[in-house]
Amino acid sequence: MDTNMLQLYAVTDSQWLKEGQTLAEAVEAAIKGGVTMVQLREKHLDDEAFIALAKDVKKVTDAYHIPFLINDNINVCQACDADG
């Protein structure tokens, strides 16, 4: 991993989304604003919903070649092929 990928680390929180905005859209905006690594943190979702959300966000991080991490859930991490 290139150290440039560690410059600006974003941790998501769906509660901060604007009305009508998806988390994937917010992550893409953050990346366009300079984020170089994304961690998905969702403490209140069941695994099925968490995996679906993770897969949506991973499409965005993959498109921008940004490392993608899952917080505290190895099952979700493996299911969406996250980087960690």
N, C-alpha and C. Protein backbone atom coordinates (compact mmCIF):
# COMPACT_ATOMS: atom_id res chain seq x y z
N MET A 1 0.84 -1.18 0.00
CA MET A 1 0.00 0.00 0.00
C MET A 1 0.88 1.24 0.00
N ASP A 2 0.54 2.16 -0.83
CA ASP A 2 1.23 3.42 -0.95
C ASP A 2 0.83 4.34 0.22
N THR A 3 1.78 5.01 0.84
CA THR A 3 1.46 5.89 1.97
C THR A 3 0.55 7.05 1.57
N ASN A 4 0.46 7.38 0.29
CA ASN A 4 -0.46 8.43 -0.16
C ASN A 4 -1.91 8.02 0.09
N MET A 5 -2.15 6.71 0.21
CA MET A 5 -3.50 6.23 0.48
C MET A 5 -3.91 6.48 1.93
N LEU A 6 -2.99 6.93 2.75
CA LEU A 6 -3.25 7.12 4.17
C LEU A 6 -3.36 8.59 4.56
N GLN A 7 -3.52 9.47 3.61
CA GLN A 7 -3.51 10.89 3.91
C GLN A 7 -4.80 11.39 4.56
N LEU A 8 -5.95 10.97 4.05
CA LEU A 8 -7.22 11.44 4.60
C LEU A 8 -8.18 10.26 4.69
N TYR A 9 -8.44 9.84 5.92
CA TYR A 9 -9.18 8.63 6.24
C TYR A 9 -10.60 9.02 6.66
N ALA A 10 -11.61 8.51 5.94
CA ALA A 10 -13.00 8.82 6.27
C ALA A 10 -13.66 7.63 6.94
N VAL A 11 -14.42 7.90 7.98
CA VAL A 11 -15.23 6.89 8.65
C VAL A 11 -16.68 7.30 8.43
N THR A 12 -17.47 6.39 7.86
CA THR A 12 -18.85 6.74 7.51
C THR A 12 -19.78 6.70 8.71
N ASP A 13 -20.88 7.43 8.56
CA ASP A 13 -21.98 7.41 9.52
C ASP A 13 -23.24 7.81 8.76
N SER A 14 -24.10 6.86 8.50
CA SER A 14 -25.31 7.10 7.71
C SER A 14 -26.23 8.16 8.32
N GLN A 15 -26.11 8.38 9.60
CA GLN A 15 -26.97 9.35 10.26
C GLN A 15 -26.66 10.79 9.82
N TRP A 16 -25.53 11.00 9.21
CA TRP A 16 -25.14 12.34 8.77
C TRP A 16 -25.52 12.64 7.32
N LEU A 17 -26.19 11.70 6.66
CA LEU A 17 -26.55 11.89 5.26
C LEU A 17 -27.59 12.98 5.09
N LYS A 18 -27.49 13.70 3.98
CA LYS A 18 -28.53 14.66 3.63
C LYS A 18 -29.76 13.88 3.19
N GLU A 19 -30.92 14.47 3.34
CA GLU A 19 -32.15 13.81 2.94
C GLU A 19 -32.09 13.43 1.45
N GLY A 20 -32.38 12.16 1.17
CA GLY A 20 -32.38 11.67 -0.20
C GLY A 20 -31.01 11.23 -0.71
N GLN A 21 -29.96 11.43 0.05
CA GLN A 21 -28.61 11.07 -0.36
C GLN A 21 -28.29 9.65 0.08
N THR A 22 -27.65 8.88 -0.78
CA THR A 22 -27.21 7.55 -0.39
C THR A 22 -25.81 7.63 0.19
N LEU A 23 -25.44 6.60 0.93
CA LEU A 23 -24.09 6.57 1.49
C LEU A 23 -23.05 6.49 0.37
N ALA A 24 -23.35 5.73 -0.67
CA ALA A 24 -22.42 5.64 -1.80
C ALA A 24 -22.18 7.02 -2.42
N GLU A 25 -23.22 7.82 -2.54
CA GLU A 25 -23.07 9.18 -3.08
C GLU A 25 -22.22 10.04 -2.15
N ALA A 26 -22.45 9.91 -0.85
CA ALA A 26 -21.66 10.68 0.11
C ALA A 26 -20.19 10.26 0.08
N VAL A 27 -19.95 8.98 -0.03
CA VAL A 27 -18.57 8.48 -0.11
C VAL A 27 -17.89 9.00 -1.38
N GLU A 28 -18.61 8.97 -2.49
CA GLU A 28 -18.01 9.48 -3.72
C GLU A 28 -17.68 10.97 -3.59
N ALA A 29 -18.56 11.74 -2.99
CA ALA A 29 -18.29 13.16 -2.78
C ALA A 29 -17.07 13.36 -1.88
N ALA A 30 -16.95 12.53 -0.86
CA ALA A 30 -15.80 12.62 0.04
C ALA A 30 -14.50 12.30 -0.71
N ILE A 31 -14.56 11.29 -1.56
CA ILE A 31 -13.38 10.92 -2.34
C ILE A 31 -13.00 12.06 -3.28
N LYS A 32 -13.99 12.63 -3.93
CA LYS A 32 -13.72 13.78 -4.82
C LYS A 32 -13.16 14.96 -4.03
N GLY A 33 -13.49 15.02 -2.75
CA GLY A 33 -12.97 16.09 -1.89
C GLY A 33 -11.60 15.80 -1.30
N GLY A 34 -11.06 14.61 -1.58
CA GLY A 34 -9.69 14.32 -1.13
C GLY A 34 -9.51 13.11 -0.25
N VAL A 35 -10.59 12.42 0.14
CA VAL A 35 -10.46 11.22 0.97
C VAL A 35 -9.66 10.16 0.22
N THR A 36 -8.75 9.50 0.94
CA THR A 36 -7.88 8.50 0.32
C THR A 36 -8.08 7.09 0.87
N MET A 37 -8.95 6.94 1.87
CA MET A 37 -9.28 5.63 2.44
C MET A 37 -10.64 5.77 3.13
N VAL A 38 -11.48 4.71 3.02
CA VAL A 38 -12.83 4.76 3.58
C VAL A 38 -13.05 3.57 4.50
N GLN A 39 -13.62 3.85 5.66
CA GLN A 39 -14.05 2.80 6.59
C GLN A 39 -15.57 2.88 6.72
N LEU A 40 -16.24 1.76 6.48
CA LEU A 40 -17.68 1.68 6.66
C LEU A 40 -17.98 1.24 8.08
N ARG A 41 -18.70 2.09 8.79
CA ARG A 41 -19.02 1.82 10.20
C ARG A 41 -20.53 1.90 10.37
N GLU A 42 -21.15 0.78 10.58
CA GLU A 42 -22.60 0.72 10.76
C GLU A 42 -22.90 -0.22 11.92
N LYS A 43 -23.15 0.33 13.08
CA LYS A 43 -23.35 -0.46 14.29
C LYS A 43 -24.76 -1.01 14.44
N HIS A 44 -25.72 -0.47 13.69
CA HIS A 44 -27.12 -0.82 13.94
C HIS A 44 -27.78 -1.58 12.79
N LEU A 45 -27.01 -2.10 11.86
CA LEU A 45 -27.58 -2.86 10.75
C LEU A 45 -27.36 -4.35 10.97
N ASP A 46 -28.33 -5.15 10.52
CA ASP A 46 -28.08 -6.59 10.54
C ASP A 46 -27.11 -6.91 9.41
N ASP A 47 -26.56 -8.11 9.43
CA ASP A 47 -25.52 -8.46 8.45
C ASP A 47 -26.00 -8.33 7.01
N GLU A 48 -27.23 -8.73 6.74
CA GLU A 48 -27.73 -8.68 5.36
C GLU A 48 -27.76 -7.24 4.83
N ALA A 49 -28.29 -6.32 5.62
CA ALA A 49 -28.34 -4.92 5.21
C ALA A 49 -26.94 -4.31 5.16
N PHE A 50 -26.09 -4.69 6.10
CA PHE A 50 -24.71 -4.19 6.15
C PHE A 50 -23.95 -4.65 4.90
N ILE A 51 -24.12 -5.90 4.51
CA ILE A 51 -23.44 -6.42 3.32
C ILE A 51 -23.92 -5.68 2.07
N ALA A 52 -25.22 -5.47 1.94
CA ALA A 52 -25.75 -4.76 0.78
C ALA A 52 -25.17 -3.34 0.70
N LEU A 53 -25.14 -2.66 1.83
CA LEU A 53 -24.58 -1.31 1.86
C LEU A 53 -23.09 -1.34 1.53
N ALA A 54 -22.38 -2.29 2.09
CA ALA A 54 -20.94 -2.41 1.85
C ALA A 54 -20.64 -2.64 0.37
N LYS A 55 -21.44 -3.47 -0.27
CA LYS A 55 -21.22 -3.74 -1.70
C LYS A 55 -21.45 -2.48 -2.53
N ASP A 56 -22.44 -1.66 -2.17
CA ASP A 56 -22.67 -0.39 -2.88
C ASP A 56 -21.50 0.56 -2.71
N VAL A 57 -21.01 0.68 -1.49
CA VAL A 57 -19.89 1.59 -1.23
C VAL A 57 -18.62 1.06 -1.88
N LYS A 58 -18.43 -0.23 -1.87
CA LYS A 58 -17.21 -0.83 -2.47
C LYS A 58 -17.13 -0.54 -3.97
N LYS A 59 -18.27 -0.51 -4.65
CA LYS A 59 -18.26 -0.15 -6.07
C LYS A 59 -17.64 1.22 -6.28
N VAL A 60 -17.95 2.14 -5.39
CA VAL A 60 -17.41 3.50 -5.48
C VAL A 60 -15.92 3.50 -5.16
N THR A 61 -15.53 2.88 -4.06
CA THR A 61 -14.11 2.89 -3.69
C THR A 61 -13.27 2.17 -4.74
N ASP A 62 -13.79 1.11 -5.31
CA ASP A 62 -13.07 0.40 -6.37
C ASP A 62 -12.89 1.29 -7.60
N ALA A 63 -13.92 2.04 -7.94
CA ALA A 63 -13.85 2.91 -9.12
C ALA A 63 -12.76 3.96 -8.98
N TYR A 64 -12.48 4.36 -7.75
CA TYR A 64 -11.46 5.38 -7.49
C TYR A 64 -10.16 4.79 -6.94
N HIS A 65 -10.10 3.47 -6.87
CA HIS A 65 -8.90 2.77 -6.36
C HIS A 65 -8.54 3.24 -4.95
N ILE A 66 -9.57 3.32 -4.11
CA ILE A 66 -9.43 3.75 -2.72
C ILE A 66 -9.58 2.53 -1.81
N PRO A 67 -8.68 2.31 -0.86
CA PRO A 67 -8.84 1.19 0.08
C PRO A 67 -10.14 1.32 0.87
N PHE A 68 -10.78 0.17 1.10
CA PHE A 68 -12.08 0.11 1.76
C PHE A 68 -12.03 -0.86 2.92
N LEU A 69 -12.38 -0.36 4.11
CA LEU A 69 -12.34 -1.15 5.33
C LEU A 69 -13.73 -1.27 5.93
N ILE A 70 -13.96 -2.39 6.62
CA ILE A 70 -15.21 -2.63 7.33
C ILE A 70 -14.90 -2.61 8.82
N ASN A 71 -15.73 -1.92 9.57
CA ASN A 71 -15.54 -1.82 11.01
C ASN A 71 -16.18 -3.00 11.74
N ASP A 72 -15.39 -3.75 12.49
CA ASP A 72 -15.87 -4.73 13.47
C ASP A 72 -16.78 -5.84 12.96
N ASN A 73 -16.67 -6.23 11.70
CA ASN A 73 -17.53 -7.31 11.23
C ASN A 73 -16.82 -8.09 10.13
N ILE A 74 -16.17 -9.17 10.50
CA ILE A 74 -15.40 -9.97 9.54
C ILE A 74 -16.29 -10.61 8.49
N ASN A 75 -17.52 -10.96 8.85
CA ASN A 75 -18.45 -11.58 7.88
C ASN A 75 -18.77 -10.61 6.75
N VAL A 76 -19.04 -9.37 7.10
CA VAL A 76 -19.32 -8.35 6.09
C VAL A 76 -18.06 -8.07 5.26
N CYS A 77 -16.94 -7.98 5.92
CA CYS A 77 -15.67 -7.74 5.24
C CYS A 77 -15.42 -8.80 4.16
N GLN A 78 -15.61 -10.04 4.51
CA GLN A 78 -15.39 -11.14 3.56
C GLN A 78 -16.45 -11.15 2.47
N ALA A 79 -17.70 -10.88 2.83
CA ALA A 79 -18.79 -10.95 1.86
C ALA A 79 -18.69 -9.90 0.77
N CYS A 80 -18.10 -8.76 1.09
CA CYS A 80 -18.00 -7.70 0.08
C CYS A 80 -16.59 -7.56 -0.47
N ASP A 81 -15.69 -8.43 -0.02
CA ASP A 81 -14.30 -8.42 -0.47
C ASP A 81 -13.61 -7.09 -0.17
N ALA A 82 -13.84 -6.59 1.05
CA ALA A 82 -13.19 -5.35 1.47
C ALA A 82 -11.69 -5.55 1.64
N ASP A 83 -10.97 -4.47 1.73
CA ASP A 83 -9.51 -4.54 1.87
C ASP A 83 -9.09 -4.82 3.31
N GLY A 84 -10.00 -4.68 4.22
CA GLY A 84 -9.66 -4.96 5.61
C GLY A 84 -10.82 -4.70 6.53
